[in-house]
Amino acid sequence: MHVSSQEYNHVLTTVNNWSPAQRIALIQDVLEALAPGIDAKEPAASAKTLEMALGLLANDRPSPSDEQVDIWLKERRERKYFG
């Protein structure tokens, strides 16, 4: 289904005249129409991204000390600016 730019602009103008609460309600209805069957109360699969990333970073080595990180930063700056 093709919507002309004139129709689109008419809808957009109409919606812009609504209150913020009405616009939010419309957005929620549109999202529900796009993804039927998804329960808004359940966290999305992407919500576990941090847990997955932390799992990828896990290893059996100890964390570097502040002194070691300072050395790495100094070395990086020297390579960056003095090449």
PDB file of N, CA and C in Angstrom:
ATOM      1  N   MET A   1       0.836  -1.179   0.000  1.00  0.00           N
ATOM      2  CA  MET A   1       0.000   0.000   0.000  1.00  0.00           C
ATOM      3  C   MET A   1       0.880   1.241   0.000  1.00  0.00           C
ATOM      4  N   HIS A   2       0.635   2.113  -0.932  1.00  0.00           N
ATOM      5  CA  HIS A   2       1.421   3.342  -1.049  1.00  0.00           C
ATOM      6  C   HIS A   2       0.622   4.514  -0.504  1.00  0.00           C
ATOM      7  N   VAL A   3       1.275   5.310   0.311  1.00  0.00           N
ATOM      8  CA  VAL A   3       0.646   6.508   0.870  1.00  0.00           C
ATOM      9  C   VAL A   3       1.329   7.708   0.245  1.00  0.00           C
ATOM     10  N   SER A   4       0.535   8.607  -0.298  1.00  0.00           N
ATOM     11  CA  SER A   4       1.121   9.787  -0.927  1.00  0.00           C
ATOM     12  C   SER A   4       1.691  10.712   0.139  1.00  0.00           C
ATOM     13  N   SER A   5       2.600  11.546  -0.275  1.00  0.00           N
ATOM     14  CA  SER A   5       3.206  12.492   0.671  1.00  0.00           C
ATOM     15  C   SER A   5       2.160  13.473   1.197  1.00  0.00           C
ATOM     16  N   GLN A   6       1.152  13.766   0.389  1.00  0.00           N
ATOM     17  CA  GLN A   6       0.089  14.661   0.837  1.00  0.00           C
ATOM     18  C   GLN A   6      -0.707  14.008   1.974  1.00  0.00           C
ATOM     19  N   GLU A   7      -1.027  12.715   1.825  1.00  0.00           N
ATOM     20  CA  GLU A   7      -1.746  12.002   2.877  1.00  0.00           C
ATOM     21  C   GLU A   7      -0.891  11.911   4.147  1.00  0.00           C
ATOM     22  N   TYR A   8       0.377  11.594   3.950  1.00  0.00           N
ATOM     23  CA  TYR A   8       1.307  11.484   5.084  1.00  0.00           C
ATOM     24  C   TYR A   8       1.381  12.806   5.834  1.00  0.00           C
ATOM     25  N   ASN A   9       1.554  13.898   5.116  1.00  0.00           N
ATOM     26  CA  ASN A   9       1.657  15.213   5.742  1.00  0.00           C
ATOM     27  C   ASN A   9       0.371  15.592   6.470  1.00  0.00           C
ATOM     28  N   HIS A  10      -0.782  15.206   5.896  1.00  0.00           N
ATOM     29  CA  HIS A  10      -2.063  15.480   6.555  1.00  0.00           C
ATOM     30  C   HIS A  10      -2.141  14.749   7.898  1.00  0.00           C
ATOM     31  N   VAL A  11      -1.755  13.485   7.899  1.00  0.00           N
ATOM     32  CA  VAL A  11      -1.765  12.698   9.138  1.00  0.00           C
ATOM     33  C   VAL A  11      -0.796  13.308  10.140  1.00  0.00           C
ATOM     34  N   LEU A  12       0.405  13.639   9.693  1.00  0.00           N
ATOM     35  CA  LEU A  12       1.405  14.220  10.585  1.00  0.00           C
ATOM     36  C   LEU A  12       0.924  15.544  11.179  1.00  0.00           C
ATOM     37  N   THR A  13       0.314  16.387  10.386  1.00  0.00           N
ATOM     38  CA  THR A  13      -0.227  17.657  10.878  1.00  0.00           C
ATOM     39  C   THR A  13      -1.314  17.414  11.911  1.00  0.00           C
ATOM     40  N   THR A  14      -2.181  16.448  11.628  1.00  0.00           N
ATOM     41  CA  THR A  14      -3.255  16.122  12.566  1.00  0.00           C
ATOM     42  C   THR A  14      -2.682  15.650  13.893  1.00  0.00           C
ATOM     43  N   VAL A  15      -1.730  14.734  13.832  1.00  0.00           N
ATOM     44  CA  VAL A  15      -1.134  14.175  15.053  1.00  0.00           C
ATOM     45  C   VAL A  15      -0.381  15.249  15.833  1.00  0.00           C
ATOM     46  N   ASN A  16       0.271  16.149  15.150  1.00  0.00           N
ATOM     47  CA  ASN A  16       0.998  17.230  15.834  1.00  0.00           C
ATOM     48  C   ASN A  16       0.072  18.153  16.618  1.00  0.00           C
ATOM     49  N   ASN A  17      -1.197  18.163  16.270  1.00  0.00           N
ATOM     50  CA  ASN A  17      -2.168  18.990  16.990  1.00  0.00           C
ATOM     51  C   ASN A  17      -2.731  18.279  18.224  1.00  0.00           C
ATOM     52  N   TRP A  18      -2.408  17.022  18.399  1.00  0.00           N
ATOM     53  CA  TRP A  18      -2.883  16.254  19.550  1.00  0.00           C
ATOM     54  C   TRP A  18      -2.045  16.571  20.780  1.00  0.00           C
ATOM     55  N   SER A  19      -2.590  16.208  21.929  1.00  0.00           N
ATOM     56  CA  SER A  19      -1.841  16.366  23.179  1.00  0.00           C
ATOM     57  C   SER A  19      -0.730  15.317  23.234  1.00  0.00           C
ATOM     58  N   PRO A  20       0.305  15.551  24.036  1.00  0.00           N
ATOM     59  CA  PRO A  20       1.369  14.545  24.164  1.00  0.00           C
ATOM     60  C   PRO A  20       0.830  13.177  24.593  1.00  0.00           C
ATOM     61  N   ALA A  21      -0.151  13.147  25.463  1.00  0.00           N
ATOM     62  CA  ALA A  21      -0.708  11.867  25.917  1.00  0.00           C
ATOM     63  C   ALA A  21      -1.366  11.118  24.762  1.00  0.00           C
ATOM     64  N   GLN A  22      -2.058  11.849  23.889  1.00  0.00           N
ATOM     65  CA  GLN A  22      -2.695  11.210  22.737  1.00  0.00           C
ATOM     66  C   GLN A  22      -1.647  10.669  21.766  1.00  0.00           C
ATOM     67  N   ARG A  23      -0.562  11.426  21.581  1.00  0.00           N
ATOM     68  CA  ARG A  23       0.507  10.962  20.683  1.00  0.00           C
ATOM     69  C   ARG A  23       1.164   9.700  21.211  1.00  0.00           C
ATOM     70  N   ILE A  24       1.413   9.666  22.525  1.00  0.00           N
ATOM     71  CA  ILE A  24       2.029   8.483  23.135  1.00  0.00           C
ATOM     72  C   ILE A  24       1.102   7.288  23.001  1.00  0.00           C
ATOM     73  N   ALA A  25      -0.189   7.504  23.201  1.00  0.00           N
ATOM     74  CA  ALA A  25      -1.155   6.406  23.052  1.00  0.00           C
ATOM     75  C   ALA A  25      -1.137   5.877  21.621  1.00  0.00           C
ATOM     76  N   LEU A  26      -1.027   6.766  20.642  1.00  0.00           N
ATOM     77  CA  LEU A  26      -0.957   6.347  19.248  1.00  0.00           C
ATOM     78  C   LEU A  26       0.304   5.520  18.992  1.00  0.00           C
ATOM     79  N   ILE A  27       1.423   5.984  19.514  1.00  0.00           N
ATOM     80  CA  ILE A  27       2.686   5.264  19.346  1.00  0.00           C
ATOM     81  C   ILE A  27       2.576   3.858  19.927  1.00  0.00           C
ATOM     82  N   GLN A  28       1.996   3.754  21.112  1.00  0.00           N
ATOM     83  CA  GLN A  28       1.834   2.441  21.740  1.00  0.00           C
ATOM     84  C   GLN A  28       0.951   1.537  20.892  1.00  0.00           C
ATOM     85  N   ASP A  29      -0.131   2.087  20.362  1.00  0.00           N
ATOM     86  CA  ASP A  29      -1.024   1.290  19.520  1.00  0.00           C
ATOM     87  C   ASP A  29      -0.319   0.831  18.240  1.00  0.00           C
ATOM     88  N   VAL A  30       0.469   1.708  17.652  1.00  0.00           N
ATOM     89  CA  VAL A  30       1.198   1.347  16.431  1.00  0.00           C
ATOM     90  C   VAL A  30       2.222   0.258  16.729  1.00  0.00           C
ATOM     91  N   LEU A  31       2.964   0.387  17.828  1.00  0.00           N
ATOM     92  CA  LEU A  31       3.950  -0.623  18.185  1.00  0.00           C
ATOM     93  C   LEU A  31       3.296  -1.967  18.460  1.00  0.00           C
ATOM     94  N   GLU A  32       2.158  -1.955  19.122  1.00  0.00           N
ATOM     95  CA  GLU A  32       1.440  -3.201  19.373  1.00  0.00           C
ATOM     96  C   GLU A  32       0.964  -3.832  18.070  1.00  0.00           C
ATOM     97  N   ALA A  33       0.563  -3.008  17.115  1.00  0.00           N
ATOM     98  CA  ALA A  33       0.122  -3.521  15.823  1.00  0.00           C
ATOM     99  C   ALA A  33       1.284  -4.117  15.026  1.00  0.00           C
ATOM    100  N   LEU A  34       2.480  -3.558  15.213  1.00  0.00           N
ATOM    101  CA  LEU A  34       3.657  -4.051  14.488  1.00  0.00           C
ATOM    102  C   LEU A  34       4.205  -5.339  15.072  1.00  0.00           C
ATOM    103  N   ALA A  35       4.042  -5.530  16.358  1.00  0.00           N
ATOM    104  CA  ALA A  35       4.625  -6.697  17.026  1.00  0.00           C
ATOM    105  C   ALA A  35       3.572  -7.401  17.886  1.00  0.00           C
ATOM    106  N   PRO A  36       2.589  -8.024  17.251  1.00  0.00           N
ATOM    107  CA  PRO A  36       1.570  -8.703  18.051  1.00  0.00           C
ATOM    108  C   PRO A  36       2.166  -9.885  18.803  1.00  0.00           C
ATOM    109  N   GLY A  37       1.640 -10.123  19.981  1.00  0.00           N
ATOM    110  CA  GLY A  37       2.094 -11.262  20.769  1.00  0.00           C
ATOM    111  C   GLY A  37       3.258 -10.971  21.686  1.00  0.00           C
ATOM    112  N   ILE A  38       3.847  -9.794  21.597  1.00  0.00           N
ATOM    113  CA  ILE A  38       4.954  -9.452  22.490  1.00  0.00           C
ATOM    114  C   ILE A  38       4.363  -8.810  23.733  1.00  0.00           C
ATOM    115  N   ASP A  39       4.677  -9.374  24.863  1.00  0.00           N
ATOM    116  CA  ASP A  39       4.179  -8.835  26.129  1.00  0.00           C
ATOM    117  C   ASP A  39       5.106  -7.713  26.567  1.00  0.00           C
ATOM    118  N   ALA A  40       4.579  -6.512  26.704  1.00  0.00           N
ATOM    119  CA  ALA A  40       5.391  -5.339  27.074  1.00  0.00           C
ATOM    120  C   ALA A  40       5.991  -5.475  28.458  1.00  0.00           C
ATOM    121  N   LYS A  41       5.444  -6.369  29.290  1.00  0.00           N
ATOM    122  CA  LYS A  41       5.956  -6.529  30.645  1.00  0.00           C
ATOM    123  C   LYS A  41       7.200  -7.404  30.678  1.00  0.00           C
ATOM    124  N   GLU A  42       7.419  -8.211  29.637  1.00  0.00           N
ATOM    125  CA  GLU A  42       8.601  -9.067  29.586  1.00  0.00           C
ATOM    126  C   GLU A  42       9.760  -8.276  28.998  1.00  0.00           C
ATOM    127  N   PRO A  43      10.958  -8.403  29.564  1.00  0.00           N
ATOM    128  CA  PRO A  43      12.100  -7.698  28.987  1.00  0.00           C
ATOM    129  C   PRO A  43      12.446  -8.266  27.615  1.00  0.00           C
ATOM    130  N   ALA A  44      12.838  -7.408  26.738  1.00  0.00           N
ATOM    131  CA  ALA A  44      13.228  -7.836  25.396  1.00  0.00           C
ATOM    132  C   ALA A  44      14.513  -8.643  25.462  1.00  0.00           C
ATOM    133  N   ALA A  45      14.753  -9.427  24.434  1.00  0.00           N
ATOM    134  CA  ALA A  45      15.965 -10.247  24.392  1.00  0.00           C
ATOM    135  C   ALA A  45      17.213  -9.376  24.467  1.00  0.00           C
ATOM    136  N   SER A  46      17.137  -8.172  23.917  1.00  0.00           N
ATOM    137  CA  SER A  46      18.305  -7.285  23.934  1.00  0.00           C
ATOM    138  C   SER A  46      18.596  -6.743  25.327  1.00  0.00           C
ATOM    139  N   ALA A  47      17.676  -6.923  26.266  1.00  0.00           N
ATOM    140  CA  ALA A  47      17.907  -6.434  27.619  1.00  0.00           C
ATOM    141  C   ALA A  47      19.026  -7.199  28.310  1.00  0.00           C
ATOM    142  N   LYS A  48      19.370  -8.363  27.793  1.00  0.00           N
ATOM    143  CA  LYS A  48      20.429  -9.168  28.403  1.00  0.00           C
ATOM    144  C   LYS A  48      21.785  -8.899  27.759  1.00  0.00           C
ATOM    145  N   THR A  49      21.888  -7.851  26.982  1.00  0.00           N
ATOM    146  CA  THR A  49      23.126  -7.533  26.281  1.00  0.00           C
ATOM    147  C   THR A  49      24.283  -7.313  27.240  1.00  0.00           C
ATOM    148  N   LEU A  50      24.059  -6.597  28.326  1.00  0.00           N
ATOM    149  CA  LEU A  50      25.127  -6.346  29.296  1.00  0.00           C
ATOM    150  C   LEU A  50      25.627  -7.653  29.887  1.00  0.00           C
ATOM    151  N   GLU A  51      24.708  -8.521  30.261  1.00  0.00           N
ATOM    152  CA  GLU A  51      25.114  -9.804  30.828  1.00  0.00           C
ATOM    153  C   GLU A  51      25.943 -10.608  29.829  1.00  0.00           C
ATOM    154  N   MET A  52      25.521 -10.592  28.565  1.00  0.00           N
ATOM    155  CA  MET A  52      26.261 -11.322  27.538  1.00  0.00           C
ATOM    156  C   MET A  52      27.653 -10.716  27.340  1.00  0.00           C
ATOM    157  N   ALA A  53      27.720  -9.375  27.320  1.00  0.00           N
ATOM    158  CA  ALA A  53      29.007  -8.708  27.127  1.00  0.00           C
ATOM    159  C   ALA A  53      29.948  -9.000  28.287  1.00  0.00           C
ATOM    160  N   LEU A  54      29.429  -8.980  29.496  1.00  0.00           N
ATOM    161  CA  LEU A  54      30.274  -9.289  30.651  1.00  0.00           C
ATOM    162  C   LEU A  54      30.772 -10.730  30.583  1.00  0.00           C
ATOM    163  N   GLY A  55      29.938 -11.615  30.093  1.00  0.00           N
ATOM    164  CA  GLY A  55      30.358 -13.001  29.929  1.00  0.00           C
ATOM    165  C   GLY A  55      31.480 -13.137  28.911  1.00  0.00           C
ATOM    166  N   LEU A  56      31.445 -12.338  27.861  1.00  0.00           N
ATOM    167  CA  LEU A  56      32.499 -12.379  26.849  1.00  0.00           C
ATOM    168  C   LEU A  56      33.824 -11.859  27.412  1.00  0.00           C
ATOM    169  N   LEU A  57      33.739 -10.943  28.365  1.00  0.00           N
ATOM    170  CA  LEU A  57      34.941 -10.353  28.937  1.00  0.00           C
ATOM    171  C   LEU A  57      35.537 -11.191  30.060  1.00  0.00           C
ATOM    172  N   ALA A  58      34.779 -12.146  30.564  1.00  0.00           N
ATOM    173  CA  ALA A  58      35.250 -12.953  31.683  1.00  0.00           C
ATOM    174  C   ALA A  58      36.431 -13.824  31.256  1.00  0.00           C
ATOM    175  N   ASN A  59      37.437 -13.898  32.121  1.00  0.00           N
ATOM    176  CA  ASN A  59      38.578 -14.781  31.874  1.00  0.00           C
ATOM    177  C   ASN A  59      39.189 -15.156  33.218  1.00  0.00           C
ATOM    178  N   ASP A  60      40.212 -15.964  33.177  1.00  0.00           N
ATOM    179  CA  ASP A  60      40.813 -16.431  34.424  1.00  0.00           C
ATOM    180  C   ASP A  60      41.994 -15.562  34.878  1.00  0.00           C
ATOM    181  N   ARG A  61      42.248 -14.478  34.167  1.00  0.00           N
ATOM    182  CA  ARG A  61      43.348 -13.594  34.537  1.00  0.00           C
ATOM    183  C   ARG A  61      42.866 -12.523  35.502  1.00  0.00           C
ATOM    184  N   PRO A  62      43.749 -12.036  36.365  1.00  0.00           N
ATOM    185  CA  PRO A  62      43.357 -10.955  37.281  1.00  0.00           C
ATOM    186  C   PRO A  62      43.207  -9.638  36.521  1.00  0.00           C
ATOM    187  N   SER A  63      42.430  -8.749  37.057  1.00  0.00           N
ATOM    188  CA  SER A  63      42.259  -7.429  36.457  1.00  0.00           C
ATOM    189  C   SER A  63      43.568  -6.662  36.556  1.00  0.00           C
ATOM    190  N   PRO A  64      43.849  -5.783  35.580  1.00  0.00           N
ATOM    191  CA  PRO A  64      45.090  -5.008  35.656  1.00  0.00           C
ATOM    192  C   PRO A  64      45.017  -3.992  36.792  1.00  0.00           C
ATOM    193  N   SER A  65      46.175  -3.678  37.321  1.00  0.00           N
ATOM    194  CA  SER A  65      46.252  -2.673  38.388  1.00  0.00           C
ATOM    195  C   SER A  65      46.114  -1.277  37.785  1.00  0.00           C
ATOM    196  N   ASP A  66      45.855  -0.308  38.632  1.00  0.00           N
ATOM    197  CA  ASP A  66      45.776   1.078  38.176  1.00  0.00           C
ATOM    198  C   ASP A  66      47.096   1.512  37.541  1.00  0.00           C
ATOM    199  N   GLU A  67      48.198   1.055  38.119  1.00  0.00           N
ATOM    200  CA  GLU A  67      49.514   1.410  37.591  1.00  0.00           C
ATOM    201  C   GLU A  67      49.696   0.850  36.178  1.00  0.00           C
ATOM    202  N   GLN A  68      49.256  -0.393  35.958  1.00  0.00           N
ATOM    203  CA  GLN A  68      49.391  -1.006  34.635  1.00  0.00           C
ATOM    204  C   GLN A  68      48.527  -0.266  33.611  1.00  0.00           C
ATOM    205  N   VAL A  69      47.335   0.115  33.996  1.00  0.00           N
ATOM    206  CA  VAL A  69      46.462   0.858  33.087  1.00  0.00           C
ATOM    207  C   VAL A  69      47.085   2.206  32.751  1.00  0.00           C
ATOM    208  N   ASP A  70      47.679   2.872  33.747  1.00  0.00           N
ATOM    209  CA  ASP A  70      48.358   4.152  33.495  1.00  0.00           C
ATOM    210  C   ASP A  70      49.492   3.985  32.490  1.00  0.00           C
ATOM    211  N   ILE A  71      50.251   2.903  32.610  1.00  0.00           N
ATOM    212  CA  ILE A  71      51.352   2.629  31.673  1.00  0.00           C
ATOM    213  C   ILE A  71      50.798   2.423  30.270  1.00  0.00           C
ATOM    214  N   TRP A  72      49.734   1.632  30.151  1.00  0.00           N
ATOM    215  CA  TRP A  72      49.125   1.394  28.834  1.00  0.00           C
ATOM    216  C   TRP A  72      48.634   2.691  28.196  1.00  0.00           C
ATOM    217  N   LEU A  73      47.995   3.547  29.008  1.00  0.00           N
ATOM    218  CA  LEU A  73      47.509   4.820  28.481  1.00  0.00           C
ATOM    219  C   LEU A  73      48.664   5.707  28.021  1.00  0.00           C
ATOM    220  N   LYS A  74      49.735   5.735  28.810  1.00  0.00           N
ATOM    221  CA  LYS A  74      50.902   6.534  28.433  1.00  0.00           C
ATOM    222  C   LYS A  74      51.496   6.023  27.126  1.00  0.00           C
ATOM    223  N   GLU A  75      51.633   4.692  27.001  1.00  0.00           N
ATOM    224  CA  GLU A  75      52.166   4.100  25.772  1.00  0.00           C
ATOM    225  C   GLU A  75      51.284   4.429  24.577  1.00  0.00           C
ATOM    226  N   ARG A  76      49.979   4.374  24.761  1.00  0.00           N
ATOM    227  CA  ARG A  76      49.037   4.659  23.689  1.00  0.00           C
ATOM    228  C   ARG A  76      49.164   6.111  23.235  1.00  0.00           C
ATOM    229  N   ARG A  77      49.259   7.017  24.199  1.00  0.00           N
ATOM    230  CA  ARG A  77      49.386   8.440  23.860  1.00  0.00           C
ATOM    231  C   ARG A  77      50.694   8.687  23.124  1.00  0.00           C
ATOM    232  N   GLU A  78      51.767   8.042  23.538  1.00  0.00           N
ATOM    233  CA  GLU A  78      53.064   8.228  22.878  1.00  0.00           C
ATOM    234  C   GLU A  78      52.988   7.742  21.427  1.00  0.00           C
ATOM    235  N   ARG A  79      52.342   6.592  21.208  1.00  0.00           N
ATOM    236  CA  ARG A  79      52.197   6.083  19.828  1.00  0.00           C
ATOM    237  C   ARG A  79      51.327   7.012  19.008  1.00  0.00           C
ATOM    238  N   LYS A  80      50.268   7.544  19.625  1.00  0.00           N
ATOM    239  CA  LYS A  80      49.332   8.384  18.905  1.00  0.00           C
ATOM    240  C   LYS A  80      49.948   9.716  18.497  1.00  0.00           C
ATOM    241  N   TYR A  81      50.675  10.349  19.430  1.00  0.00           N
ATOM    242  CA  TYR A  81      51.153  11.694  19.172  1.00  0.00           C
ATOM    243  C   TYR A  81      52.604  11.777  18.685  1.00  0.00           C
ATOM    244  N   PHE A  82      53.391  10.713  18.972  1.00  0.00           N
ATOM    245  CA  PHE A  82      54.802  10.769  18.593  1.00  0.00           C
ATOM    246  C   PHE A  82      55.172   9.661  17.631  1.00  0.00           C
ATOM    247  N   GLY A  83      54.217   8.854  17.289  1.00  0.00           N
ATOM    248  CA  GLY A  83      54.264   7.881  16.328  1.00  0.00           C
ATOM    249  C   GLY A  83      55.099   6.821  16.039  1.00  0.00           C
TER     250      GLY A  83
END
